Amino acid sequence: MPNLGPMEIIAILAIVFLLFGATRLPKLGRSMGQSIRGFKTGLNEDAPADDEEEAGKDAEVDSAAPRKDAAADKDAADKDDPPAS
């Protein structure tokens, strides 16, 4: 594949300008930008769903394990309360 130098790139841009004209070039650029943006958002829509599933699995594991802090808090609360007479 031949290398494209600065003169070749300028020639290609001149041909594109002659083919499409000055009024169509901004529209083409805008539509290409919107297409790329839509493609990126489409790719990112799948990623958060995977993260939410993993977060849900972590929450299930955490809720199944007994909490040591709750038992320690109850013992501390019992020590603070005077015994009932």
Protein backbone atom coordinates (compact mmCIF):
# COMPACT_ATOMS: atom_id res chain seq x y z
CA MET A 1 0.00 0.00 0.00
CA PRO A 2 1.52 3.32 -1.03
CA ASN A 3 2.18 6.03 1.52
CA LEU A 4 0.04 9.14 1.35
CA GLY A 5 2.08 12.30 1.50
CA PRO A 6 0.80 15.82 2.10
CA MET A 7 0.32 16.50 -1.63
CA GLU A 8 -1.80 13.37 -2.10
CA ILE A 9 -3.99 14.27 0.87
CA ILE A 10 -4.51 17.80 -0.48
CA ALA A 11 -5.45 16.36 -3.87
CA ILE A 12 -7.99 13.98 -2.28
CA LEU A 13 -9.51 16.82 -0.24
CA ALA A 14 -9.76 19.00 -3.36
CA ILE A 15 -11.57 16.23 -5.25
CA VAL A 16 -13.98 15.71 -2.33
CA PHE A 17 -14.63 19.46 -2.20
CA LEU A 18 -15.34 19.56 -5.93
CA LEU A 19 -17.64 16.53 -5.80
CA PHE A 20 -19.73 17.52 -2.81
CA GLY A 21 -19.45 21.30 -2.77
CA ALA A 22 -19.21 23.75 0.09
CA THR A 23 -22.85 23.39 1.20
CA ARG A 24 -22.85 19.60 1.56
CA LEU A 25 -19.55 19.20 3.41
CA PRO A 26 -20.80 20.53 6.78
CA LYS A 27 -23.90 18.33 6.52
CA LEU A 28 -21.75 15.28 5.76
CA GLY A 29 -19.46 16.02 8.69
CA ARG A 30 -22.40 16.53 11.03
CA SER A 31 -24.09 13.30 9.97
CA MET A 32 -20.84 11.35 10.33
CA GLY A 33 -20.35 12.78 13.83
CA GLN A 34 -23.89 11.82 14.83
CA SER A 35 -23.35 8.31 13.46
CA ILE A 36 -20.14 7.87 15.42
CA ARG A 37 -21.79 9.25 18.58
CA GLY A 38 -24.71 6.85 18.16
CA PHE A 39 -22.33 3.94 17.67
CA LYS A 40 -20.43 4.81 20.86
CA THR A 41 -23.61 5.11 22.93
CA GLY A 42 -24.77 1.79 21.52
CA LEU A 43 -21.55 0.17 22.69
CA ASN A 44 -21.80 1.75 26.13
CA GLU A 45 -25.40 0.63 26.66
CA ASP A 46 -24.28 -2.99 27.11
CA ALA A 47 -21.46 -2.22 29.54
CA PRO A 48 -23.57 -0.78 32.44
CA ALA A 49 -25.90 -3.80 32.33
CA ASP A 50 -22.92 -6.08 32.96
CA ASP A 51 -21.75 -3.87 35.84
CA GLU A 52 -25.21 -3.90 37.44
CA GLU A 53 -25.35 -7.69 37.32
CA GLU A 54 -21.97 -7.96 39.03
CA ALA A 55 -23.03 -5.42 41.66
CA GLY A 56 -26.21 -7.42 42.29
CA LYS A 57 -24.17 -10.59 42.80
CA ASP A 58 -21.91 -8.80 45.27
CA ALA A 59 -24.93 -7.54 47.22
CA GLU A 60 -26.37 -11.06 47.41
CA VAL A 61 -23.09 -12.39 48.78
CA ASP A 62 -22.87 -9.57 51.34
CA SER A 63 -26.44 -10.06 52.55
CA ALA A 64 -25.93 -13.83 52.99
CA ALA A 65 -22.89 -13.38 55.23
CA PRO A 66 -23.62 -12.55 58.89
CA ARG A 67 -22.50 -9.14 60.01
CA LYS A 68 -20.12 -9.07 62.94
CA ASP A 69 -20.71 -5.35 63.46
CA ALA A 70 -24.38 -5.85 64.32
CA ALA A 71 -23.53 -8.31 67.11
CA ALA A 72 -20.82 -6.00 68.45
CA ASP A 73 -23.23 -3.04 68.40
CA LYS A 74 -25.83 -5.04 70.35
CA ASP A 75 -23.28 -6.06 72.99
CA ALA A 76 -22.13 -2.44 73.33
CA ALA A 77 -25.72 -1.27 73.73
CA ASP A 78 -26.36 -3.90 76.43
CA LYS A 79 -23.31 -2.76 78.39
CA ASP A 80 -24.46 0.87 78.33
CA ASP A 81 -27.97 0.10 79.64
CA PRO A 82 -28.23 -0.46 83.38
CA PRO A 83 -29.84 -3.74 84.37
CA ALA A 84 -33.56 -3.55 85.06
CA SER A 85 -34.44 -3.95 88.78
